[in-house]
Amino acid sequence: MLEAVLAVVVLGGFFVLRGIAATVVFFYLLPAGDRCPNCDGVTIRVESKGWNSIMPWFRTSWCLDCGWHGLLRHGEVTKSPVPDRSLIRHD
């Protein structure tokens, strides 16, 4: 009986450790920032009550260029381009 309990504990421990290792690896595979992983375009943040309440360390995003939507890690946000003042006409 002791061997059966020990086997269940060891196999269950390996199952839990495998899940934790996969979660950590996939977390670092997700890109950080606001750039699209498909086209490298700028994404916008989308409010998702489900994902944002369950996993607040992710950023739910949608790409304006290619339509990709998914999760990104929080990171550097692309600044909006500042127009060149010399090109603006003042009439």
PDB file of N, CA and C in Angstrom:
ATOM      1  N   MET A   1       0.826  -1.201   0.000  1.00  0.00           N
ATOM      2  CA  MET A   1       0.000   0.000   0.000  1.00  0.00           C
ATOM      3  C   MET A   1       0.866   1.259   0.000  1.00  0.00           C
ATOM      4  N   LEU A   2       1.934   1.219   0.759  1.00  0.00           N
ATOM      5  CA  LEU A   2       2.827   2.374   0.825  1.00  0.00           C
ATOM      6  C   LEU A   2       3.458   2.658  -0.528  1.00  0.00           C
ATOM      7  N   GLU A   3       3.785   1.597  -1.276  1.00  0.00           N
ATOM      8  CA  GLU A   3       4.391   1.785  -2.590  1.00  0.00           C
ATOM      9  C   GLU A   3       3.421   2.441  -3.560  1.00  0.00           C
ATOM     10  N   ALA A   4       2.145   2.089  -3.472  1.00  0.00           N
ATOM     11  CA  ALA A   4       1.135   2.678  -4.344  1.00  0.00           C
ATOM     12  C   ALA A   4       0.962   4.165  -4.049  1.00  0.00           C
ATOM     13  N   VAL A   5       0.916   4.515  -2.786  1.00  0.00           N
ATOM     14  CA  VAL A   5       0.793   5.927  -2.402  1.00  0.00           C
ATOM     15  C   VAL A   5       2.024   6.708  -2.846  1.00  0.00           C
ATOM     16  N   LEU A   6       3.193   6.131  -2.650  1.00  0.00           N
ATOM     17  CA  LEU A   6       4.431   6.777  -3.065  1.00  0.00           C
ATOM     18  C   LEU A   6       4.474   6.966  -4.576  1.00  0.00           C
ATOM     19  N   ALA A   7       4.025   5.987  -5.327  1.00  0.00           N
ATOM     20  CA  ALA A   7       3.997   6.090  -6.783  1.00  0.00           C
ATOM     21  C   ALA A   7       3.037   7.187  -7.228  1.00  0.00           C
ATOM     22  N   VAL A   8       1.864   7.265  -6.604  1.00  0.00           N
ATOM     23  CA  VAL A   8       0.889   8.301  -6.950  1.00  0.00           C
ATOM     24  C   VAL A   8       1.448   9.688  -6.624  1.00  0.00           C
ATOM     25  N   VAL A   9       2.112   9.830  -5.495  1.00  0.00           N
ATOM     26  CA  VAL A   9       2.689  11.122  -5.107  1.00  0.00           C
ATOM     27  C   VAL A   9       3.797  11.529  -6.076  1.00  0.00           C
ATOM     28  N   VAL A  10       4.670  10.602  -6.441  1.00  0.00           N
ATOM     29  CA  VAL A  10       5.778  10.922  -7.351  1.00  0.00           C
ATOM     30  C   VAL A  10       5.244  11.272  -8.736  1.00  0.00           C
ATOM     31  N   LEU A  11       4.341  10.448  -9.271  1.00  0.00           N
ATOM     32  CA  LEU A  11       3.783  10.727 -10.595  1.00  0.00           C
ATOM     33  C   LEU A  11       2.954  12.008 -10.598  1.00  0.00           C
ATOM     34  N   GLY A  12       2.193  12.243  -9.545  1.00  0.00           N
ATOM     35  CA  GLY A  12       1.430  13.493  -9.436  1.00  0.00           C
ATOM     36  C   GLY A  12       2.345  14.699  -9.335  1.00  0.00           C
ATOM     37  N   GLY A  13       3.447  14.555  -8.603  1.00  0.00           N
ATOM     38  CA  GLY A  13       4.419  15.646  -8.501  1.00  0.00           C
ATOM     39  C   GLY A  13       5.053  15.973  -9.850  1.00  0.00           C
ATOM     40  N   PHE A  14       5.402  14.916 -10.614  1.00  0.00           N
ATOM     41  CA  PHE A  14       5.950  15.152 -11.951  1.00  0.00           C
ATOM     42  C   PHE A  14       4.927  15.821 -12.858  1.00  0.00           C
ATOM     43  N   PHE A  15       3.661  15.454 -12.741  1.00  0.00           N
ATOM     44  CA  PHE A  15       2.602  16.062 -13.538  1.00  0.00           C
ATOM     45  C   PHE A  15       2.474  17.558 -13.216  1.00  0.00           C
ATOM     46  N   VAL A  16       2.491  17.891 -11.940  1.00  0.00           N
ATOM     47  CA  VAL A  16       2.389  19.298 -11.522  1.00  0.00           C
ATOM     48  C   VAL A  16       3.625  20.079 -11.958  1.00  0.00           C
ATOM     49  N   LEU A  17       4.818  19.515 -11.774  1.00  0.00           N
ATOM     50  CA  LEU A  17       6.040  20.197 -12.188  1.00  0.00           C
ATOM     51  C   LEU A  17       6.089  20.418 -13.700  1.00  0.00           C
ATOM     52  N   ARG A  18       5.578  19.451 -14.476  1.00  0.00           N
ATOM     53  CA  ARG A  18       5.537  19.612 -15.921  1.00  0.00           C
ATOM     54  C   ARG A  18       4.615  20.768 -16.307  1.00  0.00           C
ATOM     55  N   GLY A  19       3.488  20.898 -15.645  1.00  0.00           N
ATOM     56  CA  GLY A  19       2.572  22.007 -15.912  1.00  0.00           C
ATOM     57  C   GLY A  19       3.184  23.353 -15.555  1.00  0.00           C
ATOM     58  N   ILE A  20       3.901  23.411 -14.433  1.00  0.00           N
ATOM     59  CA  ILE A  20       4.559  24.663 -14.032  1.00  0.00           C
ATOM     60  C   ILE A  20       5.668  25.024 -15.015  1.00  0.00           C
ATOM     61  N   ALA A  21       6.467  24.043 -15.427  1.00  0.00           N
ATOM     62  CA  ALA A  21       7.551  24.313 -16.383  1.00  0.00           C
ATOM     63  C   ALA A  21       6.995  24.781 -17.721  1.00  0.00           C
ATOM     64  N   ALA A  22       5.924  24.168 -18.202  1.00  0.00           N
ATOM     65  CA  ALA A  22       5.316  24.588 -19.469  1.00  0.00           C
ATOM     66  C   ALA A  22       4.763  26.008 -19.371  1.00  0.00           C
ATOM     67  N   THR A  23       4.167  26.348 -18.245  1.00  0.00           N
ATOM     68  CA  THR A  23       3.630  27.694 -18.065  1.00  0.00           C
ATOM     69  C   THR A  23       4.739  28.733 -18.095  1.00  0.00           C
ATOM     70  N   VAL A  24       5.848  28.460 -17.428  1.00  0.00           N
ATOM     71  CA  VAL A  24       6.966  29.407 -17.410  1.00  0.00           C
ATOM     72  C   VAL A  24       7.563  29.559 -18.804  1.00  0.00           C
ATOM     73  N   VAL A  25       7.745  28.462 -19.519  1.00  0.00           N
ATOM     74  CA  VAL A  25       8.323  28.527 -20.871  1.00  0.00           C
ATOM     75  C   VAL A  25       7.406  29.312 -21.806  1.00  0.00           C
ATOM     76  N   PHE A  26       6.125  29.024 -21.788  1.00  0.00           N
ATOM     77  CA  PHE A  26       5.202  29.731 -22.674  1.00  0.00           C
ATOM     78  C   PHE A  26       5.056  31.198 -22.287  1.00  0.00           C
ATOM     79  N   PHE A  27       5.210  31.521 -21.011  1.00  0.00           N
ATOM     80  CA  PHE A  27       5.167  32.927 -20.599  1.00  0.00           C
ATOM     81  C   PHE A  27       6.301  33.707 -21.257  1.00  0.00           C
ATOM     82  N   TYR A  28       7.508  33.133 -21.268  1.00  0.00           N
ATOM     83  CA  TYR A  28       8.648  33.842 -21.861  1.00  0.00           C
ATOM     84  C   TYR A  28       8.668  33.756 -23.379  1.00  0.00           C
ATOM     85  N   LEU A  29       7.878  32.882 -23.981  1.00  0.00           N
ATOM     86  CA  LEU A  29       7.761  32.852 -25.432  1.00  0.00           C
ATOM     87  C   LEU A  29       6.883  33.982 -25.955  1.00  0.00           C
ATOM     88  N   LEU A  30       5.949  34.448 -25.128  1.00  0.00           N
ATOM     89  CA  LEU A  30       5.100  35.565 -25.547  1.00  0.00           C
ATOM     90  C   LEU A  30       5.945  36.839 -25.633  1.00  0.00           C
ATOM     91  N   PRO A  31       5.779  37.611 -26.701  1.00  0.00           N
ATOM     92  CA  PRO A  31       6.568  38.838 -26.813  1.00  0.00           C
ATOM     93  C   PRO A  31       6.127  39.885 -25.790  1.00  0.00           C
ATOM     94  N   ALA A  32       7.093  40.687 -25.360  1.00  0.00           N
ATOM     95  CA  ALA A  32       6.804  41.789 -24.432  1.00  0.00           C
ATOM     96  C   ALA A  32       6.635  43.065 -25.249  1.00  0.00           C
ATOM     97  N   GLY A  33       5.765  43.925 -24.800  1.00  0.00           N
ATOM     98  CA  GLY A  33       5.546  45.186 -25.493  1.00  0.00           C
ATOM     99  C   GLY A  33       4.218  45.190 -26.216  1.00  0.00           C
ATOM    100  N   ASP A  34       4.112  46.073 -27.206  1.00  0.00           N
ATOM    101  CA  ASP A  34       2.851  46.207 -27.924  1.00  0.00           C
ATOM    102  C   ASP A  34       3.001  45.949 -29.421  1.00  0.00           C
ATOM    103  N   ARG A  35       4.038  45.231 -29.823  1.00  0.00           N
ATOM    104  CA  ARG A  35       4.253  44.917 -31.234  1.00  0.00           C
ATOM    105  C   ARG A  35       3.615  43.569 -31.567  1.00  0.00           C
ATOM    106  N   CYS A  36       2.995  43.479 -32.742  1.00  0.00           N
ATOM    107  CA  CYS A  36       2.319  42.267 -33.203  1.00  0.00           C
ATOM    108  C   CYS A  36       3.351  41.181 -33.511  1.00  0.00           C
ATOM    109  N   PRO A  37       3.140  39.942 -33.052  1.00  0.00           N
ATOM    110  CA  PRO A  37       4.089  38.871 -33.369  1.00  0.00           C
ATOM    111  C   PRO A  37       4.025  38.435 -34.834  1.00  0.00           C
ATOM    112  N   ASN A  38       2.945  38.753 -35.567  1.00  0.00           N
ATOM    113  CA  ASN A  38       2.823  38.366 -36.977  1.00  0.00           C
ATOM    114  C   ASN A  38       3.449  39.378 -37.918  1.00  0.00           C
ATOM    115  N   CYS A  39       3.086  40.656 -37.777  1.00  0.00           N
ATOM    116  CA  CYS A  39       3.508  41.658 -38.760  1.00  0.00           C
ATOM    117  C   CYS A  39       4.362  42.768 -38.149  1.00  0.00           C
ATOM    118  N   ASP A  40       4.635  42.740 -36.876  1.00  0.00           N
ATOM    119  CA  ASP A  40       5.407  43.743 -36.150  1.00  0.00           C
ATOM    120  C   ASP A  40       4.739  45.123 -36.172  1.00  0.00           C
ATOM    121  N   GLY A  41       3.431  45.146 -36.367  1.00  0.00           N
ATOM    122  CA  GLY A  41       2.685  46.399 -36.296  1.00  0.00           C
ATOM    123  C   GLY A  41       2.352  46.733 -34.853  1.00  0.00           C
ATOM    124  N   VAL A  42       1.865  47.932 -34.646  1.00  0.00           N
ATOM    125  CA  VAL A  42       1.485  48.373 -33.303  1.00  0.00           C
ATOM    126  C   VAL A  42       0.112  47.808 -32.972  1.00  0.00           C
ATOM    127  N   THR A  43      -0.026  47.243 -31.795  1.00  0.00           N
ATOM    128  CA  THR A  43      -1.313  46.713 -31.355  1.00  0.00           C
ATOM    129  C   THR A  43      -1.944  47.672 -30.360  1.00  0.00           C
ATOM    130  N   ILE A  44      -3.243  47.529 -30.208  1.00  0.00           N
ATOM    131  CA  ILE A  44      -3.949  48.314 -29.196  1.00  0.00           C
ATOM    132  C   ILE A  44      -4.435  47.355 -28.112  1.00  0.00           C
ATOM    133  N   ARG A  45      -4.573  47.881 -26.922  1.00  0.00           N
ATOM    134  CA  ARG A  45      -5.024  47.067 -25.799  1.00  0.00           C
ATOM    135  C   ARG A  45      -6.536  46.902 -25.891  1.00  0.00           C
ATOM    136  N   VAL A  46      -7.004  45.685 -25.661  1.00  0.00           N
ATOM    137  CA  VAL A  46      -8.420  45.360 -25.687  1.00  0.00           C
ATOM    138  C   VAL A  46      -8.816  44.898 -24.292  1.00  0.00           C
ATOM    139  N   GLU A  47      -9.881  45.440 -23.760  1.00  0.00           N
ATOM    140  CA  GLU A  47     -10.352  45.024 -22.442  1.00  0.00           C
ATOM    141  C   GLU A  47     -11.106  43.705 -22.568  1.00  0.00           C
ATOM    142  N   SER A  48     -10.649  42.708 -21.851  1.00  0.00           N
ATOM    143  CA  SER A  48     -11.294  41.397 -21.808  1.00  0.00           C
ATOM    144  C   SER A  48     -11.483  41.041 -20.341  1.00  0.00           C
ATOM    145  N   LYS A  49     -12.720  41.058 -19.894  1.00  0.00           N
ATOM    146  CA  LYS A  49     -12.984  40.822 -18.470  1.00  0.00           C
ATOM    147  C   LYS A  49     -12.502  39.450 -18.026  1.00  0.00           C
ATOM    148  N   GLY A  50     -12.632  38.466 -18.904  1.00  0.00           N
ATOM    149  CA  GLY A  50     -12.215  37.109 -18.536  1.00  0.00           C
ATOM    150  C   GLY A  50     -10.713  36.988 -18.381  1.00  0.00           C
ATOM    151  N   TRP A  51      -9.956  37.313 -19.453  1.00  0.00           N
ATOM    152  CA  TRP A  51      -8.498  37.169 -19.408  1.00  0.00           C
ATOM    153  C   TRP A  51      -7.868  38.137 -18.418  1.00  0.00           C
ATOM    154  N   ASN A  52      -8.342  39.379 -18.372  1.00  0.00           N
ATOM    155  CA  ASN A  52      -7.709  40.373 -17.506  1.00  0.00           C
ATOM    156  C   ASN A  52      -7.939  40.089 -16.029  1.00  0.00           C
ATOM    157  N   SER A  53      -9.025  39.438 -15.678  1.00  0.00           N
ATOM    158  CA  SER A  53      -9.242  39.125 -14.264  1.00  0.00           C
ATOM    159  C   SER A  53      -8.527  37.834 -13.863  1.00  0.00           C
ATOM    160  N   ILE A  54      -8.431  36.868 -14.795  1.00  0.00           N
ATOM    161  CA  ILE A  54      -7.765  35.604 -14.480  1.00  0.00           C
ATOM    162  C   ILE A  54      -6.247  35.763 -14.499  1.00  0.00           C
ATOM    163  N   MET A  55      -5.723  36.435 -15.535  1.00  0.00           N
ATOM    164  CA  MET A  55      -4.273  36.582 -15.708  1.00  0.00           C
ATOM    165  C   MET A  55      -3.922  38.056 -15.929  1.00  0.00           C
ATOM    166  N   PRO A  56      -3.800  38.840 -14.859  1.00  0.00           N
ATOM    167  CA  PRO A  56      -3.545  40.278 -15.027  1.00  0.00           C
ATOM    168  C   PRO A  56      -2.129  40.600 -15.512  1.00  0.00           C
ATOM    169  N   TRP A  57      -1.214  39.639 -15.511  1.00  0.00           N
ATOM    170  CA  TRP A  57       0.152  39.909 -15.951  1.00  0.00           C
ATOM    171  C   TRP A  57       0.273  39.856 -17.472  1.00  0.00           C
ATOM    172  N   PHE A  58      -0.823  39.543 -18.185  1.00  0.00           N
ATOM    173  CA  PHE A  58      -0.833  39.568 -19.643  1.00  0.00           C
ATOM    174  C   PHE A  58      -1.589  40.781 -20.135  1.00  0.00           C
ATOM    175  N   ARG A  59      -1.331  41.154 -21.381  1.00  0.00           N
ATOM    176  CA  ARG A  59      -1.976  42.299 -22.028  1.00  0.00           C
ATOM    177  C   ARG A  59      -2.765  41.758 -23.207  1.00  0.00           C
ATOM    178  N   THR A  60      -4.105  41.870 -23.179  1.00  0.00           N
ATOM    179  CA  THR A  60      -4.912  41.441 -24.310  1.00  0.00           C
ATOM    180  C   THR A  60      -4.816  42.501 -25.391  1.00  0.00           C
ATOM    181  N   SER A  61      -4.437  42.086 -26.601  1.00  0.00           N
ATOM    182  CA  SER A  61      -4.123  43.044 -27.660  1.00  0.00           C
ATOM    183  C   SER A  61      -4.777  42.657 -28.971  1.00  0.00           C
ATOM    184  N   TRP A  62      -4.908  43.666 -29.860  1.00  0.00           N
ATOM    185  CA  TRP A  62      -5.438  43.471 -31.201  1.00  0.00           C
ATOM    186  C   TRP A  62      -4.613  44.317 -32.155  1.00  0.00           C
ATOM    187  N   CYS A  63      -4.179  43.706 -33.277  1.00  0.00           N
ATOM    188  CA  CYS A  63      -3.345  44.399 -34.258  1.00  0.00           C
ATOM    189  C   CYS A  63      -4.236  45.101 -35.267  1.00  0.00           C
ATOM    190  N   LEU A  64      -3.974  46.365 -35.492  1.00  0.00           N
ATOM    191  CA  LEU A  64      -4.748  47.133 -36.460  1.00  0.00           C
ATOM    192  C   LEU A  64      -4.388  46.771 -37.900  1.00  0.00           C
ATOM    193  N   ASP A  65      -3.161  46.305 -38.135  1.00  0.00           N
ATOM    194  CA  ASP A  65      -2.708  46.035 -39.498  1.00  0.00           C
ATOM    195  C   ASP A  65      -3.182  44.683 -40.026  1.00  0.00           C
ATOM    196  N   CYS A  66      -2.942  43.607 -39.282  1.00  0.00           N
ATOM    197  CA  CYS A  66      -3.250  42.265 -39.800  1.00  0.00           C
ATOM    198  C   CYS A  66      -4.456  41.611 -39.128  1.00  0.00           C
ATOM    199  N   GLY A  67      -4.987  42.197 -38.062  1.00  0.00           N
ATOM    200  CA  GLY A  67      -6.161  41.639 -37.393  1.00  0.00           C
ATOM    201  C   GLY A  67      -5.851  40.587 -36.342  1.00  0.00           C
ATOM    202  N   TRP A  68      -4.567  40.373 -36.029  1.00  0.00           N
ATOM    203  CA  TRP A  68      -4.197  39.397 -35.003  1.00  0.00           C
ATOM    204  C   TRP A  68      -4.742  39.847 -33.656  1.00  0.00           C
ATOM    205  N   HIS A  69      -5.180  38.915 -32.841  1.00  0.00           N
ATOM    206  CA  HIS A  69      -5.582  39.229 -31.462  1.00  0.00           C
ATOM    207  C   HIS A  69      -5.081  38.122 -30.561  1.00  0.00           C
ATOM    208  N   GLY A  70      -4.626  38.516 -29.396  1.00  0.00           N
ATOM    209  CA  GLY A  70      -4.091  37.536 -28.461  1.00  0.00           C
ATOM    210  C   GLY A  70      -3.493  38.197 -27.241  1.00  0.00           C
ATOM    211  N   LEU A  71      -2.628  37.449 -26.552  1.00  0.00           N
ATOM    212  CA  LEU A  71      -2.028  37.909 -25.315  1.00  0.00           C
ATOM    213  C   LEU A  71      -0.572  38.288 -25.530  1.00  0.00           C
ATOM    214  N   LEU A  72      -0.159  39.366 -24.904  1.00  0.00           N
ATOM    215  CA  LEU A  72       1.232  39.805 -24.887  1.00  0.00           C
ATOM    216  C   LEU A  72       1.623  40.076 -23.445  1.00  0.00           C
ATOM    217  N   ARG A  73       2.935  40.082 -23.186  1.00  0.00           N
ATOM    218  CA  ARG A  73       3.401  40.480 -21.861  1.00  0.00           C
ATOM    219  C   ARG A  73       3.479  42.001 -21.817  1.00  0.00           C
ATOM    220  N   HIS A  74       3.376  42.556 -20.616  1.00  0.00           N
ATOM    221  CA  HIS A  74       3.537  43.994 -20.455  1.00  0.00           C
ATOM    222  C   HIS A  74       4.981  44.358 -20.760  1.00  0.00           C
ATOM    223  N   GLY A  75       5.194  45.471 -21.408  1.00  0.00           N
ATOM    224  CA  GLY A  75       6.541  45.898 -21.757  1.00  0.00           C
ATOM    225  C   GLY A  75       6.518  47.301 -22.327  1.00  0.00           C
ATOM    226  N   GLU A  76       7.531  47.596 -23.129  1.00  0.00           N
ATOM    227  CA  GLU A  76       7.647  48.915 -23.742  1.00  0.00           C
ATOM    228  C   GLU A  76       6.468  49.184 -24.677  1.00  0.00           C
ATOM    229  N   VAL A  77       5.911  50.372 -24.581  1.00  0.00           N
ATOM    230  CA  VAL A  77       4.815  50.788 -25.448  1.00  0.00           C
ATOM    231  C   VAL A  77       5.385  51.726 -26.500  1.00  0.00           C
ATOM    232  N   THR A  78       5.026  51.476 -27.760  1.00  0.00           N
ATOM    233  CA  THR A  78       5.506  52.310 -28.860  1.00  0.00           C
ATOM    234  C   THR A  78       4.899  53.697 -28.748  1.00  0.00           C
ATOM    235  N   LYS A  79       5.742  54.685 -28.807  1.00  0.00           N
ATOM    236  CA  LYS A  79       5.260  56.057 -28.727  1.00  0.00           C
ATOM    237  C   LYS A  79       4.662  56.459 -30.073  1.00  0.00           C
ATOM    238  N   SER A  80       3.634  57.285 -30.036  1.00  0.00           N
ATOM    239  CA  SER A  80       3.031  57.745 -31.284  1.00  0.00           C
ATOM    240  C   SER A  80       3.996  58.705 -31.974  1.00  0.00           C
ATOM    241  N   PRO A  81       4.058  58.654 -33.305  1.00  0.00           N
ATOM    242  CA  PRO A  81       5.001  59.518 -34.011  1.00  0.00           C
ATOM    243  C   PRO A  81       4.625  60.992 -33.864  1.00  0.00           C
ATOM    244  N   VAL A  82       5.628  61.808 -33.669  1.00  0.00           N
ATOM    245  CA  VAL A  82       5.431  63.252 -33.557  1.00  0.00           C
ATOM    246  C   VAL A  82       5.642  63.853 -34.937  1.00  0.00           C
ATOM    247  N   PRO A  83       4.679  64.633 -35.442  1.00  0.00           N
ATOM    248  CA  PRO A  83       4.855  65.201 -36.778  1.00  0.00           C
ATOM    249  C   PRO A  83       5.993  66.225 -36.791  1.00  0.00           C
ATOM    250  N   ASP A  84       6.680  66.294 -37.922  1.00  0.00           N
ATOM    251  CA  ASP A  84       7.762  67.252 -38.105  1.00  0.00           C
ATOM    252  C   ASP A  84       7.158  68.642 -38.245  1.00  0.00           C
ATOM    253  N   ARG A  85       7.547  69.564 -37.381  1.00  0.00           N
ATOM    254  CA  ARG A  85       6.970  70.920 -37.373  1.00  0.00           C
ATOM    255  C   ARG A  85       7.306  71.706 -38.632  1.00  0.00           C
ATOM    256  N   SER A  86       8.404  71.365 -39.300  1.00  0.00           N
ATOM    257  CA  SER A  86       8.765  72.109 -40.494  1.00  0.00           C
ATOM    258  C   SER A  86       7.882  71.767 -41.678  1.00  0.00           C
ATOM    259  N   LEU A  87       7.187  70.640 -41.629  1.00  0.00           N
ATOM    260  CA  LEU A  87       6.324  70.223 -42.744  1.00  0.00           C
ATOM    261  C   LEU A  87       4.901  70.754 -42.608  1.00  0.00           C
ATOM    262  N   ILE A  88       4.565  71.328 -41.468  1.00  0.00           N
ATOM    263  CA  ILE A  88       3.211  71.836 -41.237  1.00  0.00           C
ATOM    264  C   ILE A  88       3.093  73.230 -41.850  1.00  0.00           C
ATOM    265  N   ARG A  89       2.097  73.403 -42.686  1.00  0.00           N
ATOM    266  CA  ARG A  89       1.865  74.701 -43.320  1.00  0.00           C
ATOM    267  C   ARG A  89       0.991  75.555 -42.415  1.00  0.00           C
ATOM    268  N   HIS A  90       1.379  76.795 -42.261  1.00  0.00           N
ATOM    269  CA  HIS A  90       0.575  77.746 -41.478  1.00  0.00           C
ATOM    270  C   HIS A  90       0.100  78.827 -42.431  1.00  0.00           C
ATOM    271  N   ASP A  91      -1.156  78.774 -42.822  1.00  0.00           N
ATOM    272  CA  ASP A  91      -1.699  79.776 -43.761  1.00  0.00           C
ATOM    273  C   ASP A  91      -2.367  80.903 -43.039  1.00  0.00           C
TER     274      ASP A  91
END
